[in-house]
Every structure is written in structure tokens, then in C-alpha cells.
């Protein structure tokens, strides 16, 4: 079992950047696929980005493509989400999630139901 803790959120202005971190403990993190999701008030949880256990594949929502970048450092047990050119519509709590089944494809990693392990979230607020 893996435990996840997000950090790096904050209040920024439109056009600014943030880097979110997802720190893991409790298991061999390098075995886990990791996804980032967000859920604005009154909306469903939304996929943002995902990375496979070995960094060989990354996946992005259309809203994140070309602005966000997901990466991982397995030696540090951490996954990062670099967010550039932030927009007010990016405002939401952001959650990282982990799944230990190898060979998952992009369709599966985009589903929140794929992930059994979740962090508590970090708030991102983008003012206009």
C-alpha cells in the first residue's frame, strides 16, 4: 500500500506557473502508475495527466496538453505536475492517485476508478 501527499498549490495570477508534487511512502513507488485529477466545486472529478510506472508513457487531458507536464523521480518517490500559463478555469483542488497494475493504457489511466490510492489534495487558485 502506498500513501500519497500533495503539495505546491497556491494562489497565483492568470499566466503564472506552479509545480505540484506528489510524494509517496509505504511501498515501492517505482511500481506505480500515477495520475493527477482535479475537481472544481459542483463538477465531476476530471483527469488532468498520468504517467506510467517507468515514465515511458504520459497522458494529458486536452485542457492540459501544451501547458502542463507530468514527470517523476522514482529515486525521490515523487511525481511532479508542472503547470504553465495557468487560467482561472484551472482553479480546483488537485489530487494525485496511484495504481500498481503494470501495462495500463491511456484510456484506463484516464479513469479515476482505476486508482485505489489517493492523496488529500492541494488547492490551486488562479485569479484573473
Foldseek 3Di string as FASTA:
>chain_A
DKAWAKDWADEEAAQAKIKMKIAIDDDQLLLKKKFKWWDAPPGDIFTAKIAASPRPDIDGDPVQPPFWDWDDDSVRRMIMIIGGRDDQVVWGWMKMFIARDPPDDPVLRRDPVRGPYIYPTDTHGYHD
